[in-house]
Amino acid sequence: GNKKYMTEIVANTMQMLGKPEDASALGGGQTVIGESAASPEPSPVDEDVPF
């Protein structure tokens, strides 16, 4: 039969990325673990999640 695999991802934060308009303005898109944002965004409501 077919072999099936499952990958479990455990994370504290997730950032959805879109198409970069200017890569130099985005700072490379790298984030240091443990570094907090100046003004964190509120968690999305369940109805706002697209899946």
N, C-alpha and C. Protein backbone atom coordinates (compact mmCIF):
# COMPACT_ATOMS: atom_id res chain seq x y z
N GLY A 1 0.81 -1.19 0.00
CA GLY A 1 0.00 0.00 0.00
C GLY A 1 0.85 1.25 0.00
N ASN A 2 0.17 2.37 0.07
CA ASN A 2 0.84 3.67 0.10
C ASN A 2 1.28 4.01 1.51
N LYS A 3 2.48 4.57 1.64
CA LYS A 3 2.95 5.04 2.93
C LYS A 3 2.43 6.45 3.15
N LYS A 4 1.91 6.71 4.34
CA LYS A 4 1.40 8.04 4.66
C LYS A 4 2.24 8.61 5.79
N TYR A 5 2.53 9.90 5.69
CA TYR A 5 3.33 10.58 6.68
C TYR A 5 2.54 11.72 7.29
N MET A 6 2.85 12.03 8.54
CA MET A 6 2.22 13.16 9.21
C MET A 6 3.32 13.98 9.85
N THR A 7 3.26 15.29 9.69
CA THR A 7 4.22 16.19 10.31
C THR A 7 3.47 17.09 11.27
N GLU A 8 3.91 17.11 12.51
CA GLU A 8 3.30 17.97 13.52
C GLU A 8 4.22 19.15 13.74
N ILE A 9 3.66 20.36 13.64
CA ILE A 9 4.44 21.58 13.83
C ILE A 9 3.97 22.23 15.12
N VAL A 10 4.91 22.46 16.03
CA VAL A 10 4.60 23.10 17.30
C VAL A 10 5.26 24.47 17.29
N ALA A 11 4.47 25.53 17.51
CA ALA A 11 5.01 26.89 17.47
C ALA A 11 4.27 27.79 18.44
N ASN A 12 4.95 28.84 18.86
CA ASN A 12 4.32 29.85 19.71
C ASN A 12 3.70 30.96 18.88
N THR A 13 4.30 31.28 17.74
CA THR A 13 3.78 32.32 16.87
C THR A 13 3.87 31.87 15.42
N MET A 14 3.04 32.48 14.57
CA MET A 14 3.06 32.20 13.15
C MET A 14 2.79 33.50 12.41
N GLN A 15 3.52 33.74 11.34
CA GLN A 15 3.30 34.94 10.54
C GLN A 15 3.01 34.52 9.11
N MET A 16 1.82 34.86 8.61
CA MET A 16 1.47 34.56 7.23
C MET A 16 2.18 35.58 6.34
N LEU A 17 2.85 35.10 5.32
CA LEU A 17 3.60 35.98 4.44
C LEU A 17 2.87 36.15 3.12
N GLY A 18 2.92 37.35 2.61
CA GLY A 18 2.33 37.64 1.31
C GLY A 18 3.43 37.91 0.31
N LYS A 19 3.08 38.42 -0.86
CA LYS A 19 4.05 38.74 -1.89
C LYS A 19 4.82 39.98 -1.47
N PRO A 20 6.15 39.92 -1.38
CA PRO A 20 6.91 41.10 -0.98
C PRO A 20 6.88 42.16 -2.07
N GLU A 21 6.63 43.41 -1.67
CA GLU A 21 6.61 44.51 -2.63
C GLU A 21 8.01 45.08 -2.81
N ASP A 22 8.76 45.17 -1.69
CA ASP A 22 10.13 45.68 -1.73
C ASP A 22 10.92 44.93 -0.67
N ALA A 23 11.75 43.98 -1.09
CA ALA A 23 12.47 43.12 -0.15
C ALA A 23 13.40 43.91 0.75
N SER A 24 13.99 45.02 0.27
CA SER A 24 14.90 45.79 1.10
C SER A 24 14.15 46.51 2.22
N ALA A 25 12.90 46.88 2.00
CA ALA A 25 12.11 47.56 3.03
C ALA A 25 11.62 46.59 4.10
N LEU A 26 11.55 45.30 3.76
CA LEU A 26 11.05 44.32 4.71
C LEU A 26 12.12 43.81 5.65
N GLY A 27 13.37 44.15 5.44
CA GLY A 27 14.43 43.71 6.33
C GLY A 27 14.78 42.25 6.18
N GLY A 28 14.50 41.64 5.06
CA GLY A 28 14.87 40.25 4.84
C GLY A 28 13.87 39.25 5.34
N GLY A 29 12.89 39.66 6.12
CA GLY A 29 11.86 38.75 6.59
C GLY A 29 12.29 37.84 7.70
N GLN A 30 13.45 38.06 8.30
CA GLN A 30 13.91 37.20 9.38
C GLN A 30 13.52 37.80 10.72
N THR A 31 13.10 36.96 11.65
CA THR A 31 12.71 37.38 12.98
C THR A 31 13.54 36.62 13.99
N VAL A 32 14.05 37.33 14.98
CA VAL A 32 14.83 36.69 16.03
C VAL A 32 13.87 36.09 17.04
N ILE A 33 14.09 34.82 17.41
CA ILE A 33 13.23 34.15 18.38
C ILE A 33 13.39 34.83 19.73
N GLY A 34 12.26 35.09 20.38
CA GLY A 34 12.28 35.74 21.69
C GLY A 34 12.13 37.24 21.59
N GLU A 35 12.22 37.79 20.41
CA GLU A 35 12.08 39.23 20.23
C GLU A 35 10.60 39.55 20.07
N SER A 36 10.09 40.50 20.86
CA SER A 36 8.67 40.82 20.78
C SER A 36 8.46 42.05 19.92
N ALA A 37 7.32 42.13 19.29
CA ALA A 37 6.98 43.27 18.45
C ALA A 37 6.65 44.47 19.32
N ALA A 38 6.78 45.67 18.76
CA ALA A 38 6.50 46.90 19.50
C ALA A 38 5.04 46.97 19.91
N SER A 39 4.14 46.61 19.00
CA SER A 39 2.71 46.59 19.32
C SER A 39 2.12 45.30 18.76
N PRO A 40 2.03 44.25 19.58
CA PRO A 40 1.52 42.97 19.08
C PRO A 40 0.07 43.06 18.63
N GLU A 41 -0.25 42.35 17.57
CA GLU A 41 -1.61 42.33 17.06
C GLU A 41 -2.46 41.39 17.91
N PRO A 42 -3.75 41.70 18.07
CA PRO A 42 -4.62 40.79 18.83
C PRO A 42 -4.82 39.48 18.08
N SER A 43 -5.11 38.43 18.81
CA SER A 43 -5.36 37.13 18.19
C SER A 43 -6.62 37.20 17.34
N PRO A 44 -6.62 36.53 16.17
CA PRO A 44 -7.81 36.57 15.32
C PRO A 44 -8.96 35.78 15.93
N VAL A 45 -10.16 36.23 15.64
CA VAL A 45 -11.35 35.52 16.07
C VAL A 45 -11.49 34.29 15.17
N ASP A 46 -12.07 33.21 15.70
CA ASP A 46 -12.17 31.96 14.94
C ASP A 46 -12.82 32.15 13.57
N GLU A 47 -13.77 33.06 13.44
CA GLU A 47 -14.44 33.27 12.16
C GLU A 47 -13.51 33.94 11.14
N ASP A 48 -12.43 34.61 11.61
CA ASP A 48 -11.52 35.30 10.71
C ASP A 48 -10.49 34.37 10.08
N VAL A 49 -10.32 33.17 10.64
CA VAL A 49 -9.33 32.23 10.12
C VAL A 49 -9.89 31.58 8.86
N PRO A 50 -9.12 31.60 7.73
CA PRO A 50 -9.66 31.12 6.46
C PRO A 50 -9.75 29.61 6.31
N PHE A 51 -9.46 28.84 7.35
CA PHE A 51 -9.54 27.38 7.22
C PHE A 51 -10.15 26.76 8.43
